Amino acid sequence: MRYFQAYINIIKQAIDNDLKVACEELINRRSDAATQPIRDFLERATALRPTKPSSSIDQDQTSTSLSNHPFAKPADITQINQDFRAACEKETTAWITQLRIYLKDQKTISVLVAPYKTRIVGVYGAFLDLVTKEYPGEVAEGMLSPADVWSLLDRLCN
């Protein structure tokens, strides 16, 4: 009997681990879809970062400015922000609808939604940090704040 109980415990632990991995993959996949416009931009912008320490760079600041690149003009940043909001609304609404169909239990849904929202706000925060650093003034002022993103997600998830 003791061996049987040990076997059951091992199986339970394996199922819990598999479920955790599956949930993490689902959260990542869905939050990636909601943040795709921002992640694409951040990937391109990160690729332009100099690999040398800033003290050894002799180039003029204006030549290394992100806004000098064709994909990163101020109008592009505004469009990326709008595309993010549209993708976030579409993907979040679709996912919440699916969760409600298949899970029924609000407590279970909230366990999945909390890290989803945290991940989206984190990605948006990285975008916002870059925008406020590279585009002071009007462009940065037109961005959502992290609190705005939380509010948007709360509204979409309820």
Foldseek 3Di string as FASTA:
>chain_A
DVVVVVVVVVVVVVVVVVVVVVLVVVLVVLLCQLLVLLVVVVVVLVVLDDPDPPVPDPDDPVVSQPCVDPCRPLVNLVVSLVVSLVRNLVSLLVVLVVCCVPPVDPVVVVVSLVVSLVVNLVSVVVSLVSCCVRPPDDSSVPHDHSVRSVVSSVVSND
